[in-house]
Structure formats: structure tokens, C-alpha cells
Amino acid sequence: MSPTIFRERGYRFYFFSREESRMHVHIQHSAGEAKFWLEPVIELAQNFGLSAQELKTVELLVKSHKLEITNAWHKHFVS
């Protein structure tokens, strides 16, 4: 299961239900995919096909939606 948190500017932000416990978010776009760590700081974990400009856009979106993503993480991954 991979619930969508939100969509913006052609990007889909989502989680994989059974993956590592470190807080992160996956991003999907027609041009490629990426994964960003949310802790201890927001940083790129993986990139598959997104350009430097697209990664910058995605990082800004992750930063501006961090609270929403974090809340969705805690709701989805109830301990």
C-alpha cells in the first residue's frame, strides 16, 4: 500500500507502507522519482531521473508541506 499525501505541480507525494522506519517521503513525477529524508534534516535520499531544477522544486515543496507530511506519517505509521 502506498497512500498519497498530496499532489502538486504534477508531483505525487506518498509513502510505502512497509519500508524503513526513518521518516521520509517518496515523490513521483512523469520525469522520474525521488525520495527525501525528513529527519534529522530534509535531504535527498535517492533520485531516479529528476533534473536538478525538478529536485529543487520538490525540496521546496517538501519543506513547505513538512508539517502535513509529518502528520500523515504519524497517522499512517501508528506505533
PDB file of N, CA and C in Angstrom:
ATOM      1  N   MET A   1       0.844  -1.178   0.000  1.00  0.00           N
ATOM      2  CA  MET A   1       0.000   0.000   0.000  1.00  0.00           C
ATOM      3  C   MET A   1       0.894   1.247   0.000  1.00  0.00           C
ATOM      4  N   SER A   2       0.540   2.221  -0.790  1.00  0.00           N
ATOM      5  CA  SER A   2       1.312   3.464  -0.845  1.00  0.00           C
ATOM      6  C   SER A   2       0.359   4.664  -0.888  1.00  0.00           C
ATOM      7  N   PRO A   3      -0.060   5.122   0.296  1.00  0.00           N
ATOM      8  CA  PRO A   3      -1.033   6.215   0.346  1.00  0.00           C
ATOM      9  C   PRO A   3      -0.454   7.548  -0.135  1.00  0.00           C
ATOM     10  N   THR A   4      -1.246   8.258  -0.904  1.00  0.00           N
ATOM     11  CA  THR A   4      -0.874   9.582  -1.389  1.00  0.00           C
ATOM     12  C   THR A   4      -1.142  10.609  -0.292  1.00  0.00           C
ATOM     13  N   ILE A   5      -0.158  11.456  -0.040  1.00  0.00           N
ATOM     14  CA  ILE A   5      -0.309  12.523   0.947  1.00  0.00           C
ATOM     15  C   ILE A   5      -0.921  13.739   0.272  1.00  0.00           C
ATOM     16  N   PHE A   6      -0.334  14.146  -0.855  1.00  0.00           N
ATOM     17  CA  PHE A   6      -0.880  15.247  -1.647  1.00  0.00           C
ATOM     18  C   PHE A   6      -0.250  15.219  -3.040  1.00  0.00           C
ATOM     19  N   ARG A   7      -0.834  15.976  -3.939  1.00  0.00           N
ATOM     20  CA  ARG A   7      -0.320  16.169  -5.297  1.00  0.00           C
ATOM     21  C   ARG A   7      -0.196  17.669  -5.539  1.00  0.00           C
ATOM     22  N   GLU A   8       0.904  18.041  -6.180  1.00  0.00           N
ATOM     23  CA  GLU A   8       1.089  19.451  -6.511  1.00  0.00           C
ATOM     24  C   GLU A   8       2.081  19.566  -7.657  1.00  0.00           C
ATOM     25  N   ARG A   9       1.760  20.447  -8.620  1.00  0.00           N
ATOM     26  CA  ARG A   9       2.623  20.727  -9.771  1.00  0.00           C
ATOM     27  C   ARG A   9       3.041  19.468 -10.538  1.00  0.00           C
ATOM     28  N   GLY A  10       2.159  18.490 -10.600  1.00  0.00           N
ATOM     29  CA  GLY A  10       2.450  17.257 -11.326  1.00  0.00           C
ATOM     30  C   GLY A  10       3.236  16.230 -10.527  1.00  0.00           C
ATOM     31  N   TYR A  11       3.499  16.513  -9.248  1.00  0.00           N
ATOM     32  CA  TYR A  11       4.225  15.592  -8.375  1.00  0.00           C
ATOM     33  C   TYR A  11       3.252  14.917  -7.424  1.00  0.00           C
ATOM     34  N   ARG A  12       3.478  13.647  -7.175  1.00  0.00           N
ATOM     35  CA  ARG A  12       2.704  12.896  -6.196  1.00  0.00           C
ATOM     36  C   ARG A  12       3.617  12.592  -5.016  1.00  0.00           C
ATOM     37  N   PHE A  13       3.190  12.942  -3.818  1.00  0.00           N
ATOM     38  CA  PHE A  13       3.950  12.709  -2.596  1.00  0.00           C
ATOM     39  C   PHE A  13       3.268  11.578  -1.832  1.00  0.00           C
ATOM     40  N   TYR A  14       4.027  10.536  -1.491  1.00  0.00           N
ATOM     41  CA  TYR A  14       3.416   9.347  -0.905  1.00  0.00           C
ATOM     42  C   TYR A  14       4.413   8.573  -0.043  1.00  0.00           C
ATOM     43  N   PHE A  15       3.879   7.567   0.682  1.00  0.00           N
ATOM     44  CA  PHE A  15       4.672   6.645   1.486  1.00  0.00           C
ATOM     45  C   PHE A  15       4.523   5.246   0.924  1.00  0.00           C
ATOM     46  N   PHE A  16       5.498   4.396   1.206  1.00  0.00           N
ATOM     47  CA  PHE A  16       5.345   2.956   1.052  1.00  0.00           C
ATOM     48  C   PHE A  16       5.025   2.437   2.444  1.00  0.00           C
ATOM     49  N   SER A  17       4.056   1.572   2.562  1.00  0.00           N
ATOM     50  CA  SER A  17       3.621   1.118   3.880  1.00  0.00           C
ATOM     51  C   SER A  17       4.641   0.244   4.591  1.00  0.00           C
ATOM     52  N   ARG A  18       5.393  -0.526   3.889  1.00  0.00           N
ATOM     53  CA  ARG A  18       6.319  -1.446   4.547  1.00  0.00           C
ATOM     54  C   ARG A  18       7.737  -1.165   4.098  1.00  0.00           C
ATOM     55  N   GLU A  19       8.292  -0.131   4.665  1.00  0.00           N
ATOM     56  CA  GLU A  19       9.649   0.258   4.321  1.00  0.00           C
ATOM     57  C   GLU A  19      10.355   0.633   5.613  1.00  0.00           C
ATOM     58  N   GLU A  20      11.508   1.220   5.510  1.00  0.00           N
ATOM     59  CA  GLU A  20      12.299   1.566   6.683  1.00  0.00           C
ATOM     60  C   GLU A  20      11.585   2.552   7.603  1.00  0.00           C
ATOM     61  N   SER A  21      12.028   2.576   8.858  1.00  0.00           N
ATOM     62  CA  SER A  21      11.335   3.372   9.871  1.00  0.00           C
ATOM     63  C   SER A  21      11.756   4.841   9.900  1.00  0.00           C
ATOM     64  N   ARG A  22      12.891   5.192   9.308  1.00  0.00           N
ATOM     65  CA  ARG A  22      13.319   6.599   9.288  1.00  0.00           C
ATOM     66  C   ARG A  22      12.319   7.408   8.448  1.00  0.00           C
ATOM     67  N   MET A  23      11.865   8.520   8.993  1.00  0.00           N
ATOM     68  CA  MET A  23      10.826   9.301   8.326  1.00  0.00           C
ATOM     69  C   MET A  23      11.315   9.844   6.979  1.00  0.00           C
ATOM     70  N   HIS A  24      10.517   9.580   5.944  1.00  0.00           N
ATOM     71  CA  HIS A  24      10.863  10.007   4.589  1.00  0.00           C
ATOM     72  C   HIS A  24       9.597  10.079   3.747  1.00  0.00           C
ATOM     73  N   VAL A  25       9.737  10.644   2.565  1.00  0.00           N
ATOM     74  CA  VAL A  25       8.614  10.732   1.636  1.00  0.00           C
ATOM     75  C   VAL A  25       9.121  10.420   0.226  1.00  0.00           C
ATOM     76  N   HIS A  26       8.293   9.743  -0.543  1.00  0.00           N
ATOM     77  CA  HIS A  26       8.591   9.445  -1.948  1.00  0.00           C
ATOM     78  C   HIS A  26       7.857  10.448  -2.815  1.00  0.00           C
ATOM     79  N   ILE A  27       8.470  10.782  -3.938  1.00  0.00           N
ATOM     80  CA  ILE A  27       7.877  11.726  -4.877  1.00  0.00           C
ATOM     81  C   ILE A  27       7.914  11.105  -6.267  1.00  0.00           C
ATOM     82  N   GLN A  28       6.788  11.132  -6.943  1.00  0.00           N
ATOM     83  CA  GLN A  28       6.686  10.563  -8.288  1.00  0.00           C
ATOM     84  C   GLN A  28       6.260  11.663  -9.253  1.00  0.00           C
ATOM     85  N   HIS A  29       6.858  11.640 -10.436  1.00  0.00           N
ATOM     86  CA  HIS A  29       6.557  12.619 -11.484  1.00  0.00           C
ATOM     87  C   HIS A  29       6.733  11.898 -12.810  1.00  0.00           C
ATOM     88  N   SER A  30       6.174  12.417 -13.867  1.00  0.00           N
ATOM     89  CA  SER A  30       6.330  11.770 -15.177  1.00  0.00           C
ATOM     90  C   SER A  30       7.798  11.698 -15.605  1.00  0.00           C
ATOM     91  N   ALA A  31       8.631  12.610 -15.082  1.00  0.00           N
ATOM     92  CA  ALA A  31      10.052  12.642 -15.442  1.00  0.00           C
ATOM     93  C   ALA A  31      10.907  11.696 -14.603  1.00  0.00           C
ATOM     94  N   GLY A  32      10.391  11.238 -13.468  1.00  0.00           N
ATOM     95  CA  GLY A  32      11.180  10.358 -12.610  1.00  0.00           C
ATOM     96  C   GLY A  32      10.630  10.316 -11.195  1.00  0.00           C
ATOM     97  N   GLU A  33      11.477   9.810 -10.284  1.00  0.00           N
ATOM     98  CA  GLU A  33      11.074   9.650  -8.890  1.00  0.00           C
ATOM     99  C   GLU A  33      12.212  10.057  -7.975  1.00  0.00           C
ATOM    100  N   ALA A  34      11.864  10.393  -6.741  1.00  0.00           N
ATOM    101  CA  ALA A  34      12.872  10.732  -5.742  1.00  0.00           C
ATOM    102  C   ALA A  34      12.350  10.340  -4.371  1.00  0.00           C
ATOM    103  N   LYS A  35      13.281  10.338  -3.430  1.00  0.00           N
ATOM    104  CA  LYS A  35      12.962  10.059  -2.023  1.00  0.00           C
ATOM    105  C   LYS A  35      13.729  11.074  -1.193  1.00  0.00           C
ATOM    106  N   PHE A  36      13.028  11.690  -0.243  1.00  0.00           N
ATOM    107  CA  PHE A  36      13.651  12.660   0.645  1.00  0.00           C
ATOM    108  C   PHE A  36      13.519  12.209   2.088  1.00  0.00           C
ATOM    109  N   TRP A  37      14.633  12.272   2.823  1.00  0.00           N
ATOM    110  CA  TRP A  37      14.601  12.081   4.268  1.00  0.00           C
ATOM    111  C   TRP A  37      13.960  13.320   4.877  1.00  0.00           C
ATOM    112  N   LEU A  38      13.233  13.130   5.964  1.00  0.00           N
ATOM    113  CA  LEU A  38      12.629  14.246   6.680  1.00  0.00           C
ATOM    114  C   LEU A  38      13.330  14.504   8.007  1.00  0.00           C
ATOM    115  N   GLU A  39      14.150  13.540   8.432  1.00  0.00           N
ATOM    116  CA  GLU A  39      14.860  13.703   9.695  1.00  0.00           C
ATOM    117  C   GLU A  39      16.253  13.115   9.589  1.00  0.00           C
ATOM    118  N   PRO A  40      17.238  13.588  10.233  1.00  0.00           N
ATOM    119  CA  PRO A  40      17.158  14.723  11.148  1.00  0.00           C
ATOM    120  C   PRO A  40      16.970  16.056  10.421  1.00  0.00           C
ATOM    121  N   VAL A  41      17.308  16.097   9.128  1.00  0.00           N
ATOM    122  CA  VAL A  41      17.049  17.283   8.304  1.00  0.00           C
ATOM    123  C   VAL A  41      16.487  16.807   6.970  1.00  0.00           C
ATOM    124  N   ILE A  42      15.830  17.695   6.244  1.00  0.00           N
ATOM    125  CA  ILE A  42      15.320  17.346   4.922  1.00  0.00           C
ATOM    126  C   ILE A  42      16.502  17.261   3.968  1.00  0.00           C
ATOM    127  N   GLU A  43      16.656  16.089   3.337  1.00  0.00           N
ATOM    128  CA  GLU A  43      17.731  15.916   2.357  1.00  0.00           C
ATOM    129  C   GLU A  43      17.377  14.809   1.374  1.00  0.00           C
ATOM    130  N   LEU A  44      17.928  14.920   0.200  1.00  0.00           N
ATOM    131  CA  LEU A  44      17.689  13.934  -0.850  1.00  0.00           C
ATOM    132  C   LEU A  44      18.296  12.593  -0.457  1.00  0.00           C
ATOM    133  N   ALA A  45      17.501  11.539  -0.556  1.00  0.00           N
ATOM    134  CA  ALA A  45      17.972  10.180  -0.286  1.00  0.00           C
ATOM    135  C   ALA A  45      18.263   9.441  -1.592  1.00  0.00           C
ATOM    136  N   GLN A  46      17.381   9.591  -2.576  1.00  0.00           N
ATOM    137  CA  GLN A  46      17.532   8.905  -3.866  1.00  0.00           C
ATOM    138  C   GLN A  46      16.889   9.749  -4.955  1.00  0.00           C
ATOM    139  N   ASN A  47      17.427   9.605  -6.157  1.00  0.00           N
ATOM    140  CA  ASN A  47      16.853  10.277  -7.316  1.00  0.00           C
ATOM    141  C   ASN A  47      16.953   9.357  -8.516  1.00  0.00           C
ATOM    142  N   PHE A  48      15.872   9.220  -9.223  1.00  0.00           N
ATOM    143  CA  PHE A  48      15.827   8.422 -10.435  1.00  0.00           C
ATOM    144  C   PHE A  48      15.193   9.245 -11.546  1.00  0.00           C
ATOM    145  N   GLY A  49      15.991  10.059 -12.225  1.00  0.00           N
ATOM    146  CA  GLY A  49      15.527  10.746 -13.418  1.00  0.00           C
ATOM    147  C   GLY A  49      15.107  12.195 -13.290  1.00  0.00           C
ATOM    148  N   LEU A  50      14.969  12.724 -12.090  1.00  0.00           N
ATOM    149  CA  LEU A  50      14.575  14.122 -11.969  1.00  0.00           C
ATOM    150  C   LEU A  50      15.786  15.025 -12.163  1.00  0.00           C
ATOM    151  N   SER A  51      15.583  16.142 -12.836  1.00  0.00           N
ATOM    152  CA  SER A  51      16.658  17.102 -13.083  1.00  0.00           C
ATOM    153  C   SER A  51      16.973  17.877 -11.806  1.00  0.00           C
ATOM    154  N   ALA A  52      18.072  18.604 -11.826  1.00  0.00           N
ATOM    155  CA  ALA A  52      18.455  19.429 -10.683  1.00  0.00           C
ATOM    156  C   ALA A  52      17.364  20.451 -10.375  1.00  0.00           C
ATOM    157  N   GLN A  53      16.764  21.040 -11.391  1.00  0.00           N
ATOM    158  CA  GLN A  53      15.688  22.024 -11.185  1.00  0.00           C
ATOM    159  C   GLN A  53      14.453  21.354 -10.581  1.00  0.00           C
ATOM    160  N   GLU A  54      14.101  20.171 -11.067  1.00  0.00           N
ATOM    161  CA  GLU A  54      12.956  19.453 -10.506  1.00  0.00           C
ATOM    162  C   GLU A  54      13.212  19.083  -9.041  1.00  0.00           C
ATOM    163  N   LEU A  55      14.441  18.669  -8.735  1.00  0.00           N
ATOM    164  CA  LEU A  55      14.780  18.334  -7.346  1.00  0.00           C
ATOM    165  C   LEU A  55      14.675  19.552  -6.441  1.00  0.00           C
ATOM    166  N   LYS A  56      15.073  20.702  -6.948  1.00  0.00           N
ATOM    167  CA  LYS A  56      14.961  21.938  -6.171  1.00  0.00           C
ATOM    168  C   LYS A  56      13.491  22.243  -5.895  1.00  0.00           C
ATOM    169  N   THR A  57      12.659  22.101  -6.912  1.00  0.00           N
ATOM    170  CA  THR A  57      11.220  22.318  -6.756  1.00  0.00           C
ATOM    171  C   THR A  57      10.643  21.357  -5.727  1.00  0.00           C
ATOM    172  N   VAL A  58      11.007  20.083  -5.850  1.00  0.00           N
ATOM    173  CA  VAL A  58      10.496  19.067  -4.933  1.00  0.00           C
ATOM    174  C   VAL A  58      10.945  19.366  -3.504  1.00  0.00           C
ATOM    175  N   GLU A  59      12.210  19.727  -3.328  1.00  0.00           N
ATOM    176  CA  GLU A  59      12.701  20.028  -1.983  1.00  0.00           C
ATOM    177  C   GLU A  59      11.932  21.198  -1.365  1.00  0.00           C
ATOM    178  N   LEU A  60      11.651  22.216  -2.157  1.00  0.00           N
ATOM    179  CA  LEU A  60      10.863  23.348  -1.658  1.00  0.00           C
ATOM    180  C   LEU A  60       9.451  22.916  -1.276  1.00  0.00           C
ATOM    181  N   LEU A  61       8.862  22.032  -2.074  1.00  0.00           N
ATOM    182  CA  LEU A  61       7.528  21.526  -1.759  1.00  0.00           C
ATOM    183  C   LEU A  61       7.544  20.686  -0.484  1.00  0.00           C
ATOM    184  N   VAL A  62       8.570  19.851  -0.326  1.00  0.00           N
ATOM    185  CA  VAL A  62       8.686  19.049   0.893  1.00  0.00           C
ATOM    186  C   VAL A  62       8.812  19.983   2.097  1.00  0.00           C
ATOM    187  N   LYS A  63       9.649  21.000   1.982  1.00  0.00           N
ATOM    188  CA  LYS A  63       9.833  21.937   3.094  1.00  0.00           C
ATOM    189  C   LYS A  63       8.540  22.678   3.422  1.00  0.00           C
ATOM    190  N   SER A  64       7.826  23.114   2.405  1.00  0.00           N
ATOM    191  CA  SER A  64       6.604  23.880   2.660  1.00  0.00           C
ATOM    192  C   SER A  64       5.455  23.012   3.170  1.00  0.00           C
ATOM    193  N   HIS A  65       5.526  21.695   2.929  1.00  0.00           N
ATOM    194  CA  HIS A  65       4.471  20.768   3.376  1.00  0.00           C
ATOM    195  C   HIS A  65       4.967  19.837   4.480  1.00  0.00           C
ATOM    196  N   LYS A  66       6.090  20.175   5.105  1.00  0.00           N
ATOM    197  CA  LYS A  66       6.685  19.257   6.087  1.00  0.00           C
ATOM    198  C   LYS A  66       5.707  18.878   7.190  1.00  0.00           C
ATOM    199  N   LEU A  67       5.000  19.826   7.746  1.00  0.00           N
ATOM    200  CA  LEU A  67       4.052  19.524   8.820  1.00  0.00           C
ATOM    201  C   LEU A  67       2.964  18.569   8.336  1.00  0.00           C
ATOM    202  N   GLU A  68       2.428  18.809   7.163  1.00  0.00           N
ATOM    203  CA  GLU A  68       1.396  17.929   6.586  1.00  0.00           C
ATOM    204  C   GLU A  68       1.948  16.518   6.374  1.00  0.00           C
ATOM    205  N   ILE A  69       3.174  16.419   5.854  1.00  0.00           N
ATOM    206  CA  ILE A  69       3.797  15.119   5.604  1.00  0.00           C
ATOM    207  C   ILE A  69       4.060  14.399   6.920  1.00  0.00           C
ATOM    208  N   THR A  70       4.593  15.135   7.899  1.00  0.00           N
ATOM    209  CA  THR A  70       4.891  14.545   9.210  1.00  0.00           C
ATOM    210  C   THR A  70       3.612  14.055   9.891  1.00  0.00           C
ATOM    211  N   ASN A  71       2.573  14.847   9.850  1.00  0.00           N
ATOM    212  CA  ASN A  71       1.293  14.432  10.440  1.00  0.00           C
ATOM    213  C   ASN A  71       0.746  13.187   9.749  1.00  0.00           C
ATOM    214  N   ALA A  72       0.838  13.138   8.425  1.00  0.00           N
ATOM    215  CA  ALA A  72       0.368  11.973   7.675  1.00  0.00           C
ATOM    216  C   ALA A  72       1.200  10.741   8.028  1.00  0.00           C
ATOM    217  N   TRP A  73       2.503  10.936   8.208  1.00  0.00           N
ATOM    218  CA  TRP A  73       3.391   9.825   8.590  1.00  0.00           C
ATOM    219  C   TRP A  73       2.930   9.226   9.922  1.00  0.00           C
ATOM    220  N   HIS A  74       2.744  10.088  10.915  1.00  0.00           N
ATOM    221  CA  HIS A  74       2.342   9.608  12.251  1.00  0.00           C
ATOM    222  C   HIS A  74       0.954   8.965  12.231  1.00  0.00           C
ATOM    223  N   LYS A  75       0.087   9.471  11.411  1.00  0.00           N
ATOM    224  CA  LYS A  75      -1.256   8.883  11.298  1.00  0.00           C
ATOM    225  C   LYS A  75      -1.183   7.517  10.616  1.00  0.00           C
ATOM    226  N   HIS A  76      -0.361   7.416   9.580  1.00  0.00           N
ATOM    227  CA  HIS A  76      -0.277   6.166   8.812  1.00  0.00           C
ATOM    228  C   HIS A  76       0.522   5.090   9.557  1.00  0.00           C
ATOM    229  N   PHE A  77       1.636   5.490  10.171  1.00  0.00           N
ATOM    230  CA  PHE A  77       2.511   4.532  10.837  1.00  0.00           C
ATOM    231  C   PHE A  77       2.306   4.600  12.349  1.00  0.00           C
ATOM    232  N   VAL A  78       1.123   4.243  12.777  1.00  0.00           N
ATOM    233  CA  VAL A  78       0.803   4.242  14.201  1.00  0.00           C
ATOM    234  C   VAL A  78       1.643   3.160  14.871  1.00  0.00           C
ATOM    235  N   SER A  79       2.348   3.560  15.928  1.00  0.00           N
ATOM    236  CA  SER A  79       3.214   2.598  16.652  1.00  0.00           C
ATOM    237  C   SER A  79       2.435   1.712  17.562  1.00  0.00           C
TER     238      SER A  79
END
